[in-house]
Amino acid sequence: MCCLFNLAAFQSQVAAVQSQESDEGLKLAAKLLQTASGIFTYLKANVMGALQQEPTPDLNPEVLGTLSSLMLAEAQEIFVIKV
């Protein structure tokens, strides 16, 4: 669980440093953010069944849902930047 969370967070950081001046940078950033969103969604759907105790605040389903939505919104913002 924590490894997947960290992977999604890392992907969002890598996306943040991509060049907004090139199409390739924007495409990669959008792809990374969409993947991070999917990971957070997966964790939200599966975290409660896998944990045997109360989740930490970062693994709370509401937080994971918010992070997923945020990553998707940032990916959509890239298309606005490109246009």
PDB file of N, CA and C in Angstrom:
ATOM      1  N   MET A   1       0.815  -1.189   0.000  1.00  0.00           N
ATOM      2  CA  MET A   1       0.000   0.000   0.000  1.00  0.00           C
ATOM      3  C   MET A   1       0.862   1.258   0.000  1.00  0.00           C
ATOM      4  N   CYS A   2       1.794   1.318   0.937  1.00  0.00           N
ATOM      5  CA  CYS A   2       2.622   2.520   1.035  1.00  0.00           C
ATOM      6  C   CYS A   2       3.494   2.697  -0.203  1.00  0.00           C
ATOM      7  N   CYS A   3       3.955   1.587  -0.766  1.00  0.00           N
ATOM      8  CA  CYS A   3       4.783   1.683  -1.977  1.00  0.00           C
ATOM      9  C   CYS A   3       3.976   2.268  -3.133  1.00  0.00           C
ATOM     10  N   LEU A   4       2.730   1.842  -3.278  1.00  0.00           N
ATOM     11  CA  LEU A   4       1.886   2.389  -4.342  1.00  0.00           C
ATOM     12  C   LEU A   4       1.602   3.871  -4.104  1.00  0.00           C
ATOM     13  N   PHE A   5       1.346   4.240  -2.858  1.00  0.00           N
ATOM     14  CA  PHE A   5       1.105   5.645  -2.540  1.00  0.00           C
ATOM     15  C   PHE A   5       2.340   6.481  -2.903  1.00  0.00           C
ATOM     16  N   ASN A   6       3.506   5.988  -2.516  1.00  0.00           N
ATOM     17  CA  ASN A   6       4.735   6.714  -2.820  1.00  0.00           C
ATOM     18  C   ASN A   6       5.000   6.778  -4.317  1.00  0.00           C
ATOM     19  N   LEU A   7       4.662   5.730  -5.048  1.00  0.00           N
ATOM     20  CA  LEU A   7       4.824   5.737  -6.496  1.00  0.00           C
ATOM     21  C   LEU A   7       3.943   6.812  -7.135  1.00  0.00           C
ATOM     22  N   ALA A   8       2.707   6.905  -6.699  1.00  0.00           N
ATOM     23  CA  ALA A   8       1.806   7.929  -7.232  1.00  0.00           C
ATOM     24  C   ALA A   8       2.312   9.328  -6.889  1.00  0.00           C
ATOM     25  N   ALA A   9       2.788   9.513  -5.671  1.00  0.00           N
ATOM     26  CA  ALA A   9       3.325  10.818  -5.279  1.00  0.00           C
ATOM     27  C   ALA A   9       4.563  11.165  -6.109  1.00  0.00           C
ATOM     28  N   PHE A  10       5.421  10.172  -6.338  1.00  0.00           N
ATOM     29  CA  PHE A  10       6.619  10.398  -7.145  1.00  0.00           C
ATOM     30  C   PHE A  10       6.253  10.763  -8.581  1.00  0.00           C
ATOM     31  N   GLN A  11       5.258  10.079  -9.133  1.00  0.00           N
ATOM     32  CA  GLN A  11       4.843  10.385 -10.501  1.00  0.00           C
ATOM     33  C   GLN A  11       4.330  11.816 -10.609  1.00  0.00           C
ATOM     34  N   SER A  12       3.630  12.289  -9.597  1.00  0.00           N
ATOM     35  CA  SER A  12       3.137  13.665  -9.639  1.00  0.00           C
ATOM     36  C   SER A  12       4.297  14.655  -9.548  1.00  0.00           C
ATOM     37  N   GLN A  13       5.339  14.308  -8.799  1.00  0.00           N
ATOM     38  CA  GLN A  13       6.511  15.181  -8.717  1.00  0.00           C
ATOM     39  C   GLN A  13       7.265  15.215 -10.036  1.00  0.00           C
ATOM     40  N   VAL A  14       7.409  14.079 -10.680  1.00  0.00           N
ATOM     41  CA  VAL A  14       8.076  14.026 -11.985  1.00  0.00           C
ATOM     42  C   VAL A  14       7.268  14.819 -13.005  1.00  0.00           C
ATOM     43  N   ALA A  15       5.953  14.710 -12.948  1.00  0.00           N
ATOM     44  CA  ALA A  15       5.097  15.458 -13.871  1.00  0.00           C
ATOM     45  C   ALA A  15       5.262  16.967 -13.672  1.00  0.00           C
ATOM     46  N   ALA A  16       5.445  17.376 -12.432  1.00  0.00           N
ATOM     47  CA  ALA A  16       5.555  18.808 -12.132  1.00  0.00           C
ATOM     48  C   ALA A  16       6.799  19.450 -12.729  1.00  0.00           C
ATOM     49  N   VAL A  17       7.846  18.666 -12.968  1.00  0.00           N
ATOM     50  CA  VAL A  17       9.089  19.253 -13.488  1.00  0.00           C
ATOM     51  C   VAL A  17       9.236  19.097 -14.996  1.00  0.00           C
ATOM     52  N   GLN A  18       8.213  18.596 -15.665  1.00  0.00           N
ATOM     53  CA  GLN A  18       8.275  18.456 -17.120  1.00  0.00           C
ATOM     54  C   GLN A  18       8.150  19.829 -17.773  1.00  0.00           C
ATOM     55  N   SER A  19       8.782  19.964 -18.899  1.00  0.00           N
ATOM     56  CA  SER A  19       8.742  21.225 -19.642  1.00  0.00           C
ATOM     57  C   SER A  19       7.342  21.506 -20.160  1.00  0.00           C
ATOM     58  N   GLN A  20       6.865  22.706 -19.896  1.00  0.00           N
ATOM     59  CA  GLN A  20       5.571  23.117 -20.422  1.00  0.00           C
ATOM     60  C   GLN A  20       5.729  23.781 -21.784  1.00  0.00           C
ATOM     61  N   GLU A  21       6.951  23.835 -22.253  1.00  0.00           N
ATOM     62  CA  GLU A  21       7.231  24.466 -23.541  1.00  0.00           C
ATOM     63  C   GLU A  21       7.177  23.476 -24.706  1.00  0.00           C
ATOM     64  N   SER A  22       7.268  22.184 -24.390  1.00  0.00           N
ATOM     65  CA  SER A  22       7.284  21.195 -25.465  1.00  0.00           C
ATOM     66  C   SER A  22       6.063  20.286 -25.379  1.00  0.00           C
ATOM     67  N   ASP A  23       5.634  19.815 -26.537  1.00  0.00           N
ATOM     68  CA  ASP A  23       4.508  18.879 -26.577  1.00  0.00           C
ATOM     69  C   ASP A  23       4.836  17.584 -25.849  1.00  0.00           C
ATOM     70  N   GLU A  24       6.073  17.116 -26.008  1.00  0.00           N
ATOM     71  CA  GLU A  24       6.472  15.861 -25.356  1.00  0.00           C
ATOM     72  C   GLU A  24       6.436  15.991 -23.835  1.00  0.00           C
ATOM     73  N   GLY A  25       6.890  17.129 -23.321  1.00  0.00           N
ATOM     74  CA  GLY A  25       6.854  17.352 -21.878  1.00  0.00           C
ATOM     75  C   GLY A  25       5.432  17.394 -21.351  1.00  0.00           C
ATOM     76  N   LEU A  26       4.559  18.054 -22.093  1.00  0.00           N
ATOM     77  CA  LEU A  26       3.162  18.131 -21.676  1.00  0.00           C
ATOM     78  C   LEU A  26       2.482  16.764 -21.744  1.00  0.00           C
ATOM     79  N   LYS A  27       2.771  15.998 -22.795  1.00  0.00           N
ATOM     80  CA  LYS A  27       2.185  14.657 -22.924  1.00  0.00           C
ATOM     81  C   LYS A  27       2.639  13.748 -21.787  1.00  0.00           C
ATOM     82  N   LEU A  28       3.935  13.801 -21.475  1.00  0.00           N
ATOM     83  CA  LEU A  28       4.459  12.961 -20.396  1.00  0.00           C
ATOM     84  C   LEU A  28       3.858  13.362 -19.057  1.00  0.00           C
ATOM     85  N   ALA A  29       3.769  14.659 -18.802  1.00  0.00           N
ATOM     86  CA  ALA A  29       3.191  15.130 -17.546  1.00  0.00           C
ATOM     87  C   ALA A  29       1.736  14.675 -17.414  1.00  0.00           C
ATOM     88  N   ALA A  30       0.967  14.803 -18.483  1.00  0.00           N
ATOM     89  CA  ALA A  30      -0.435  14.378 -18.438  1.00  0.00           C
ATOM     90  C   ALA A  30      -0.543  12.875 -18.183  1.00  0.00           C
ATOM     91  N   LYS A  31       0.286  12.098 -18.841  1.00  0.00           N
ATOM     92  CA  LYS A  31       0.277  10.639 -18.663  1.00  0.00           C
ATOM     93  C   LYS A  31       0.621  10.258 -17.222  1.00  0.00           C
ATOM     94  N   LEU A  32       1.653  10.902 -16.671  1.00  0.00           N
ATOM     95  CA  LEU A  32       2.061  10.612 -15.292  1.00  0.00           C
ATOM     96  C   LEU A  32       0.967  10.977 -14.294  1.00  0.00           C
ATOM     97  N   LEU A  33       0.319  12.109 -14.510  1.00  0.00           N
ATOM     98  CA  LEU A  33      -0.756  12.523 -13.603  1.00  0.00           C
ATOM     99  C   LEU A  33      -1.966  11.608 -13.705  1.00  0.00           C
ATOM    100  N   GLN A  34      -2.285  11.158 -14.911  1.00  0.00           N
ATOM    101  CA  GLN A  34      -3.398  10.222 -15.073  1.00  0.00           C
ATOM    102  C   GLN A  34      -3.085   8.887 -14.395  1.00  0.00           C
ATOM    103  N   THR A  35      -1.852   8.451 -14.506  1.00  0.00           N
ATOM    104  CA  THR A  35      -1.462   7.203 -13.852  1.00  0.00           C
ATOM    105  C   THR A  35      -1.514   7.351 -12.339  1.00  0.00           C
ATOM    106  N   ALA A  36      -1.034   8.480 -11.827  1.00  0.00           N
ATOM    107  CA  ALA A  36      -1.085   8.730 -10.384  1.00  0.00           C
ATOM    108  C   ALA A  36      -2.533   8.738  -9.895  1.00  0.00           C
ATOM    109  N   SER A  37      -3.419   9.348 -10.670  1.00  0.00           N
ATOM    110  CA  SER A  37      -4.833   9.362 -10.320  1.00  0.00           C
ATOM    111  C   SER A  37      -5.382   7.941 -10.238  1.00  0.00           C
ATOM    112  N   GLY A  38      -5.014   7.110 -11.197  1.00  0.00           N
ATOM    113  CA  GLY A  38      -5.462   5.722 -11.192  1.00  0.00           C
ATOM    114  C   GLY A  38      -4.951   4.943  -9.998  1.00  0.00           C
ATOM    115  N   ILE A  39      -3.728   5.196  -9.608  1.00  0.00           N
ATOM    116  CA  ILE A  39      -3.169   4.512  -8.431  1.00  0.00           C
ATOM    117  C   ILE A  39      -3.919   4.925  -7.175  1.00  0.00           C
ATOM    118  N   PHE A  40      -4.178   6.230  -7.029  1.00  0.00           N
ATOM    119  CA  PHE A  40      -4.926   6.684  -5.851  1.00  0.00           C
ATOM    120  C   PHE A  40      -6.337   6.105  -5.841  1.00  0.00           C
ATOM    121  N   THR A  41      -6.958   5.991  -7.001  1.00  0.00           N
ATOM    122  CA  THR A  41      -8.285   5.388  -7.093  1.00  0.00           C
ATOM    123  C   THR A  41      -8.235   3.912  -6.694  1.00  0.00           C
ATOM    124  N   TYR A  42      -7.219   3.202  -7.174  1.00  0.00           N
ATOM    125  CA  TYR A  42      -7.058   1.797  -6.813  1.00  0.00           C
ATOM    126  C   TYR A  42      -6.891   1.651  -5.299  1.00  0.00           C
ATOM    127  N   LEU A  43      -6.048   2.488  -4.718  1.00  0.00           N
ATOM    128  CA  LEU A  43      -5.836   2.417  -3.278  1.00  0.00           C
ATOM    129  C   LEU A  43      -7.125   2.702  -2.515  1.00  0.00           C
ATOM    130  N   LYS A  44      -7.886   3.688  -2.987  1.00  0.00           N
ATOM    131  CA  LYS A  44      -9.149   4.017  -2.321  1.00  0.00           C
ATOM    132  C   LYS A  44     -10.090   2.815  -2.319  1.00  0.00           C
ATOM    133  N   ALA A  45     -10.138   2.104  -3.434  1.00  0.00           N
ATOM    134  CA  ALA A  45     -11.050   0.978  -3.555  1.00  0.00           C
ATOM    135  C   ALA A  45     -10.591  -0.240  -2.753  1.00  0.00           C
ATOM    136  N   ASN A  46      -9.291  -0.338  -2.501  1.00  0.00           N
ATOM    137  CA  ASN A  46      -8.761  -1.564  -1.895  1.00  0.00           C
ATOM    138  C   ASN A  46      -8.111  -1.388  -0.539  1.00  0.00           C
ATOM    139  N   VAL A  47      -7.981  -0.176  -0.046  1.00  0.00           N
ATOM    140  CA  VAL A  47      -7.213   0.031   1.175  1.00  0.00           C
ATOM    141  C   VAL A  47      -7.920  -0.514   2.417  1.00  0.00           C
ATOM    142  N   MET A  48      -9.218  -0.321   2.525  1.00  0.00           N
ATOM    143  CA  MET A  48      -9.911  -0.736   3.743  1.00  0.00           C
ATOM    144  C   MET A  48      -9.918  -2.253   3.912  1.00  0.00           C
ATOM    145  N   GLY A  49     -10.017  -2.990   2.833  1.00  0.00           N
ATOM    146  CA  GLY A  49     -10.025  -4.442   2.928  1.00  0.00           C
ATOM    147  C   GLY A  49      -8.660  -5.030   3.249  1.00  0.00           C
ATOM    148  N   ALA A  50      -7.608  -4.319   2.896  1.00  0.00           N
ATOM    149  CA  ALA A  50      -6.268  -4.840   3.091  1.00  0.00           C
ATOM    150  C   ALA A  50      -5.684  -4.492   4.459  1.00  0.00           C
ATOM    151  N   LEU A  51      -6.152  -3.415   5.043  1.00  0.00           N
ATOM    152  CA  LEU A  51      -5.616  -2.992   6.342  1.00  0.00           C
ATOM    153  C   LEU A  51      -6.360  -3.681   7.472  1.00  0.00           C
ATOM    154  N   GLN A  52      -5.631  -4.017   8.496  1.00  0.00           N
ATOM    155  CA  GLN A  52      -6.232  -4.662   9.655  1.00  0.00           C
ATOM    156  C   GLN A  52      -6.356  -3.700  10.824  1.00  0.00           C
ATOM    157  N   GLN A  53      -6.109  -2.431  10.555  1.00  0.00           N
ATOM    158  CA  GLN A  53      -6.230  -1.401  11.576  1.00  0.00           C
ATOM    159  C   GLN A  53      -6.739  -0.126  10.915  1.00  0.00           C
ATOM    160  N   GLU A  54      -6.980   0.881  11.712  1.00  0.00           N
ATOM    161  CA  GLU A  54      -7.431   2.174  11.173  1.00  0.00           C
ATOM    162  C   GLU A  54      -6.340   2.754  10.277  1.00  0.00           C
ATOM    163  N   PRO A  55      -6.700   3.203   9.059  1.00  0.00           N
ATOM    164  CA  PRO A  55      -5.666   3.727   8.160  1.00  0.00           C
ATOM    165  C   PRO A  55      -5.086   5.043   8.669  1.00  0.00           C
ATOM    166  N   THR A  56      -3.840   5.300   8.307  1.00  0.00           N
ATOM    167  CA  THR A  56      -3.231   6.586   8.616  1.00  0.00           C
ATOM    168  C   THR A  56      -3.960   7.655   7.792  1.00  0.00           C
ATOM    169  N   PRO A  57      -3.830   8.922   8.172  1.00  0.00           N
ATOM    170  CA  PRO A  57      -4.583   9.971   7.451  1.00  0.00           C
ATOM    171  C   PRO A  57      -4.342   9.988   5.943  1.00  0.00           C
ATOM    172  N   ASP A  58      -3.139   9.669   5.498  1.00  0.00           N
ATOM    173  CA  ASP A  58      -2.876   9.705   4.058  1.00  0.00           C
ATOM    174  C   ASP A  58      -3.515   8.541   3.312  1.00  0.00           C
ATOM    175  N   LEU A  59      -3.877   7.468   3.991  1.00  0.00           N
ATOM    176  CA  LEU A  59      -4.536   6.331   3.364  1.00  0.00           C
ATOM    177  C   LEU A  59      -6.036   6.296   3.630  1.00  0.00           C
ATOM    178  N   ASN A  60      -6.556   7.360   4.199  1.00  0.00           N
ATOM    179  CA  ASN A  60      -7.989   7.481   4.429  1.00  0.00           C
ATOM    180  C   ASN A  60      -8.692   7.533   3.068  1.00  0.00           C
ATOM    181  N   PRO A  61      -9.768   6.799   2.872  1.00  0.00           N
ATOM    182  CA  PRO A  61     -10.428   6.774   1.563  1.00  0.00           C
ATOM    183  C   PRO A  61     -10.829   8.153   1.032  1.00  0.00           C
ATOM    184  N   GLU A  62     -11.261   9.046   1.912  1.00  0.00           N
ATOM    185  CA  GLU A  62     -11.637  10.388   1.455  1.00  0.00           C
ATOM    186  C   GLU A  62     -10.419  11.149   0.934  1.00  0.00           C
ATOM    187  N   VAL A  63      -9.288  10.999   1.602  1.00  0.00           N
ATOM    188  CA  VAL A  63      -8.057  11.663   1.168  1.00  0.00           C
ATOM    189  C   VAL A  63      -7.597  11.081  -0.168  1.00  0.00           C
ATOM    190  N   LEU A  64      -7.656   9.766  -0.288  1.00  0.00           N
ATOM    191  CA  LEU A  64      -7.247   9.136  -1.545  1.00  0.00           C
ATOM    192  C   LEU A  64      -8.141   9.565  -2.698  1.00  0.00           C
ATOM    193  N   GLY A  65      -9.430   9.698  -2.442  1.00  0.00           N
ATOM    194  CA  GLY A  65     -10.346  10.176  -3.474  1.00  0.00           C
ATOM    195  C   GLY A  65     -10.033  11.609  -3.889  1.00  0.00           C
ATOM    196  N   THR A  66      -9.702  12.437  -2.913  1.00  0.00           N
ATOM    197  CA  THR A  66      -9.343  13.825  -3.201  1.00  0.00           C
ATOM    198  C   THR A  66      -8.052  13.901  -3.996  1.00  0.00           C
ATOM    199  N   LEU A  67      -7.063  13.109  -3.614  1.00  0.00           N
ATOM    200  CA  LEU A  67      -5.794  13.095  -4.347  1.00  0.00           C
ATOM    201  C   LEU A  67      -6.005  12.610  -5.780  1.00  0.00           C
ATOM    202  N   SER A  68      -6.832  11.611  -5.960  1.00  0.00           N
ATOM    203  CA  SER A  68      -7.122  11.115  -7.300  1.00  0.00           C
ATOM    204  C   SER A  68      -7.764  12.208  -8.155  1.00  0.00           C
ATOM    205  N   SER A  69      -8.736  12.899  -7.592  1.00  0.00           N
ATOM    206  CA  SER A  69      -9.398  13.985  -8.322  1.00  0.00           C
ATOM    207  C   SER A  69      -8.430  15.122  -8.633  1.00  0.00           C
ATOM    208  N   LEU A  70      -7.551  15.424  -7.702  1.00  0.00           N
ATOM    209  CA  LEU A  70      -6.569  16.494  -7.905  1.00  0.00           C
ATOM    210  C   LEU A  70      -5.612  16.149  -9.044  1.00  0.00           C
ATOM    211  N   MET A  71      -5.135  14.910  -9.072  1.00  0.00           N
ATOM    212  CA  MET A  71      -4.222  14.497 -10.147  1.00  0.00           C
ATOM    213  C   MET A  71      -4.924  14.567 -11.507  1.00  0.00           C
ATOM    214  N   LEU A  72      -6.172  14.149 -11.549  1.00  0.00           N
ATOM    215  CA  LEU A  72      -6.929  14.196 -12.801  1.00  0.00           C
ATOM    216  C   LEU A  72      -7.169  15.642 -13.233  1.00  0.00           C
ATOM    217  N   ALA A  73      -7.466  16.511 -12.274  1.00  0.00           N
ATOM    218  CA  ALA A  73      -7.669  17.927 -12.603  1.00  0.00           C
ATOM    219  C   ALA A  73      -6.382  18.558 -13.141  1.00  0.00           C
ATOM    220  N   GLU A  74      -5.251  18.195 -12.547  1.00  0.00           N
ATOM    221  CA  GLU A  74      -3.982  18.726 -13.038  1.00  0.00           C
ATOM    222  C   GLU A  74      -3.668  18.211 -14.442  1.00  0.00           C
ATOM    223  N   ALA A  75      -4.017  16.965 -14.711  1.00  0.00           N
ATOM    224  CA  ALA A  75      -3.807  16.427 -16.057  1.00  0.00           C
ATOM    225  C   ALA A  75      -4.685  17.167 -17.066  1.00  0.00           C
ATOM    226  N   GLN A  76      -5.914  17.470 -16.679  1.00  0.00           N
ATOM    227  CA  GLN A  76      -6.797  18.210 -17.564  1.00  0.00           C
ATOM    228  C   GLN A  76      -6.309  19.638 -17.775  1.00  0.00           C
ATOM    229  N   GLU A  77      -5.703  20.218 -16.759  1.00  0.00           N
ATOM    230  CA  GLU A  77      -5.157  21.579 -16.872  1.00  0.00           C
ATOM    231  C   GLU A  77      -4.067  21.642 -17.936  1.00  0.00           C
ATOM    232  N   ILE A  78      -3.333  20.565 -18.088  1.00  0.00           N
ATOM    233  CA  ILE A  78      -2.272  20.527 -19.097  1.00  0.00           C
ATOM    234  C   ILE A  78      -2.851  20.733 -20.495  1.00  0.00           C
ATOM    235  N   PHE A  79      -4.005  20.146 -20.755  1.00  0.00           N
ATOM    236  CA  PHE A  79      -4.621  20.322 -22.069  1.00  0.00           C
ATOM    237  C   PHE A  79      -5.076  21.762 -22.274  1.00  0.00           C
ATOM    238  N   VAL A  80      -5.473  22.434 -21.204  1.00  0.00           N
ATOM    239  CA  VAL A  80      -5.837  23.841 -21.298  1.00  0.00           C
ATOM    240  C   VAL A  80      -4.593  24.676 -21.599  1.00  0.00           C
ATOM    241  N   ILE A  81      -3.477  24.330 -20.969  1.00  0.00           N
ATOM    242  CA  ILE A  81      -2.219  25.027 -21.219  1.00  0.00           C
ATOM    243  C   ILE A  81      -1.802  24.855 -22.668  1.00  0.00           C
ATOM    244  N   LYS A  82      -1.976  23.644 -23.178  1.00  0.00           N
ATOM    245  CA  LYS A  82      -1.547  23.351 -24.541  1.00  0.00           C
ATOM    246  C   LYS A  82      -2.363  24.118 -25.575  1.00  0.00           C
ATOM    247  N   VAL A  83      -3.626  24.323 -25.297  1.00  0.00           N
ATOM    248  CA  VAL A  83      -4.485  25.023 -26.251  1.00  0.00           C
ATOM    249  C   VAL A  83      -4.188  26.485 -26.139  1.00  0.00           C
TER     250      VAL A  83
END
